[in-house]
């Protein structure tokens, strides 16, 4: 279960028993479905980019989707859809806050 004070939820492309989730483009597909849920709502052409509230990425070689908590307050049904996707597919979910990269 995701706590109500989490800023970002990381859905990992690994099942709870350690198997890699398939298909390999699942993160891009999920983020693509969520592309219209964004600050200011859907705009013409918004389907051509990912929503800042639901972004696919790779962390330590594992495909993930980072879901920002702003999605929950603006579109509760979309938030439920994403979390239910993770639950239905037995994916690992973690809470965290992505930190900006430091200059070296």
Protein backbone atom coordinates (compact mmCIF):
# COMPACT_ATOMS: atom_id res chain seq x y z
CA UNK A 1 0.00 0.00 0.00
CA UNK A 2 1.21 3.51 -0.82
CA UNK A 3 1.23 6.04 2.00
CA UNK A 4 -0.64 9.30 1.57
CA UNK A 5 2.48 11.43 2.07
CA UNK A 6 4.65 9.81 -0.63
CA UNK A 7 5.73 12.32 -3.29
CA UNK A 8 6.70 9.72 -5.87
CA UNK A 9 5.86 6.08 -6.36
CA UNK A 10 8.24 3.86 -8.29
CA UNK A 11 6.63 0.95 -10.12
CA UNK A 12 9.43 -1.46 -10.95
CA UNK A 13 9.41 -3.90 -13.83
CA UNK A 14 10.10 -6.81 -11.50
CA UNK A 15 7.45 -9.03 -9.98
CA UNK A 16 7.45 -9.76 -6.27
CA UNK A 17 9.00 -13.14 -6.95
CA UNK A 18 11.86 -11.53 -8.89
CA UNK A 19 10.84 -12.16 -12.49
CA UNK A 20 11.33 -9.44 -15.12
CA UNK A 21 7.96 -8.11 -16.26
CA UNK A 22 7.09 -8.47 -19.94
CA UNK A 23 6.57 -7.05 -22.49
CA UNK A 24 9.84 -5.16 -22.47
CA UNK A 25 8.13 -1.86 -23.40
CA UNK A 26 5.55 -2.03 -20.61
CA UNK A 27 6.80 1.21 -18.97
CA UNK A 28 6.54 3.23 -22.17
CA UNK A 29 3.07 1.80 -22.85
CA UNK A 30 1.80 2.63 -19.37
CA UNK A 31 3.25 6.15 -19.47
CA UNK A 32 1.80 6.60 -22.97
CA UNK A 33 -1.69 5.74 -21.74
CA UNK A 34 -1.25 8.31 -18.96
CA UNK A 35 0.11 11.07 -21.26
CA UNK A 36 -3.09 13.13 -21.26
CA UNK A 37 -3.09 13.44 -17.46
CA UNK A 38 -0.91 16.48 -16.91
CA UNK A 39 -0.90 19.93 -15.33
CA UNK A 40 -3.43 22.05 -17.19
CA UNK A 41 -5.11 18.99 -18.68
CA UNK A 42 -4.75 17.47 -22.11
CA UNK A 43 -3.75 19.88 -24.87
CA UNK A 44 -3.50 19.35 -28.62
CA UNK A 45 -0.42 17.22 -29.19
CA UNK A 46 -0.01 16.23 -25.53
CA UNK A 47 -0.26 12.59 -26.54
CA UNK A 48 3.16 13.04 -28.16
CA UNK A 49 5.00 13.41 -24.84
CA UNK A 50 4.84 11.80 -21.44
CA UNK A 51 3.02 13.43 -18.58
CA UNK A 52 5.37 14.83 -15.92
CA UNK A 53 3.22 12.88 -13.46
CA UNK A 54 3.95 9.46 -15.03
CA UNK A 55 7.40 8.99 -16.53
CA UNK A 56 9.14 5.82 -17.72
CA UNK A 57 12.80 5.44 -16.80
CA UNK A 58 15.49 2.88 -16.07
CA UNK A 59 17.02 2.71 -12.59
CA UNK A 60 19.91 0.33 -11.95
CA UNK A 61 19.04 -1.57 -15.12
CA UNK A 62 15.38 -2.05 -14.13
CA UNK A 63 12.57 -0.47 -16.11
CA UNK A 64 10.37 1.68 -13.90
CA UNK A 65 7.55 4.16 -14.06
CA UNK A 66 7.76 7.09 -11.67
CA UNK A 67 4.31 8.33 -10.70
CA UNK A 68 4.10 11.70 -8.96
CA UNK A 69 1.56 12.23 -6.18
CA UNK A 70 0.10 15.26 -8.00
CA UNK A 71 -1.67 12.75 -10.23
CA UNK A 72 -3.59 11.50 -7.19
CA UNK A 73 -4.94 14.95 -6.31
CA UNK A 74 -5.77 15.97 -9.89
CA UNK A 75 -7.02 12.66 -11.34
CA UNK A 76 -7.81 10.09 -8.60
CA UNK A 77 -9.13 7.53 -11.09
CA UNK A 78 -5.91 7.73 -13.14
CA UNK A 79 -3.89 7.29 -9.92
CA UNK A 80 -5.97 4.22 -9.03
CA UNK A 81 -5.52 2.84 -12.56
CA UNK A 82 -1.73 3.03 -12.35
CA UNK A 83 -1.54 1.48 -8.87
CA UNK A 84 -4.02 -1.24 -9.80
CA UNK A 85 -1.89 -2.01 -12.88
CA UNK A 86 1.05 -2.62 -10.55
CA UNK A 87 -1.06 -4.68 -8.15
CA UNK A 88 -2.73 -6.76 -10.87
CA UNK A 89 0.67 -7.59 -12.38
CA UNK A 90 2.30 -8.24 -9.00
CA UNK A 91 4.95 -5.56 -9.61
CA UNK A 92 7.20 -4.20 -6.92
CA UNK A 93 6.25 -0.69 -5.80
CA UNK A 94 8.35 1.64 -3.71
CA UNK A 95 8.02 5.15 -2.38
CA UNK A 96 10.80 7.66 -2.73
CA UNK A 97 11.74 11.11 -3.84
CA UNK A 98 13.92 11.53 -6.90
CA UNK A 99 16.83 13.81 -6.13
CA UNK A 100 18.37 16.11 -8.72
CA UNK A 101 21.84 15.14 -9.88
CA UNK A 102 24.66 17.04 -8.22
CA UNK A 103 27.35 18.82 -10.21
CA UNK A 104 30.63 16.94 -10.08
